[in-house]
Protein backbone atom coordinates (compact mmCIF):
# COMPACT_ATOMS: atom_id res chain seq x y z
CA MET A 1 19.45 -31.50 7.73
CA VAL A 2 19.12 -30.17 4.17
CA ASP A 3 22.28 -29.10 2.38
CA LEU A 4 21.38 -25.71 0.90
CA PRO A 5 23.30 -24.12 -1.98
CA PHE A 6 23.36 -20.81 -0.02
CA PRO A 7 24.17 -19.77 3.54
CA ALA A 8 21.40 -20.59 6.02
CA ASP A 9 21.34 -16.96 7.23
CA ALA A 10 21.17 -15.39 3.74
CA THR A 11 18.40 -12.80 3.48
CA TYR A 12 18.66 -12.29 -0.26
CA LEU A 13 19.28 -15.09 -2.74
CA ARG A 14 20.84 -14.99 -6.18
CA VAL A 15 19.04 -16.34 -9.22
CA ARG A 16 21.61 -19.16 -9.57
CA GLU A 17 21.20 -20.15 -5.94
CA ILE A 18 17.42 -20.38 -6.37
CA ALA A 19 17.77 -22.36 -9.57
CA THR A 20 20.15 -24.80 -7.90
CA TYR A 21 17.89 -25.13 -4.85
CA LEU A 22 14.80 -25.83 -6.93
CA ARG A 23 16.71 -27.86 -9.53
CA ILE A 24 15.44 -25.78 -12.39
CA ASP A 25 17.11 -23.70 -15.12
CA VAL A 26 18.29 -20.17 -14.35
CA LYS A 27 16.13 -18.92 -17.26
CA THR A 28 13.01 -20.16 -15.54
CA VAL A 29 13.75 -18.06 -12.41
CA ARG A 30 14.48 -15.05 -14.56
CA ARG A 31 11.15 -15.56 -16.43
CA TRP A 32 9.33 -15.50 -13.08
CA ILE A 33 11.08 -12.21 -12.22
CA ILE A 34 10.40 -10.59 -15.59
CA ALA A 35 6.75 -11.66 -15.45
CA LYS A 36 6.64 -9.96 -12.00
CA ALA A 37 5.47 -13.25 -10.46
CA LEU A 38 8.51 -13.29 -8.19
CA PRO A 39 9.50 -9.96 -6.65
CA ALA A 40 13.21 -9.20 -7.06
CA THR A 41 15.71 -6.36 -6.80
CA ARG A 42 18.28 -5.64 -9.47
CA VAL A 43 21.84 -5.33 -8.23
CA GLY A 44 24.14 -4.43 -11.11
CA ARG A 45 23.52 -7.04 -13.76
CA ASP A 46 22.18 -9.61 -11.37
CA TRP A 47 18.90 -10.08 -9.51
CA ARG A 48 18.39 -10.74 -5.82
CA VAL A 49 15.24 -12.26 -4.34
CA HIS A 50 14.28 -11.84 -0.70
CA ARG A 51 13.99 -15.19 1.05
CA ALA A 52 10.46 -14.40 2.33
CA ASP A 53 9.31 -13.50 -1.21
CA LEU A 54 10.62 -16.79 -2.54
CA LYS A 55 8.88 -18.70 0.23
CA ALA A 56 5.59 -16.86 -0.48
CA TYR A 57 5.93 -17.56 -4.20
CA LEU A 58 6.49 -21.27 -3.62
CA LEU A 59 3.61 -21.56 -1.19
CA ALA A 60 1.28 -19.81 -3.60
CA ASN A 61 2.33 -22.03 -6.51
CA GLY A 62 2.23 -25.48 -4.95
CA GLY A 63 5.74 -25.67 -3.54
CA GLU A 64 4.79 -26.42 0.05
CA ALA A 65 7.24 -29.33 0.24
CA ILE A 66 10.18 -27.12 -0.67
CA ALA A 67 9.07 -23.86 0.96
CA HIS A 68 9.23 -25.28 4.49
CA VAL A 69 13.03 -25.45 4.32
CA LEU A 70 13.35 -21.72 3.63
């Protein structure tokens, strides 16, 4: 079983959780959001990404190996 940096039943993920999961910098995830490549919702000063949107983004951009865990 994969140890996820977020709860298994989480519907929306924070930018930091996504960055930790993908082992990339937080700025990279924010760039995807600002470029409108990754759909996100602003909550206060933070962004939330729907789990299905992240999975679709990863599948469309060659992340099949990681997307299957979501």
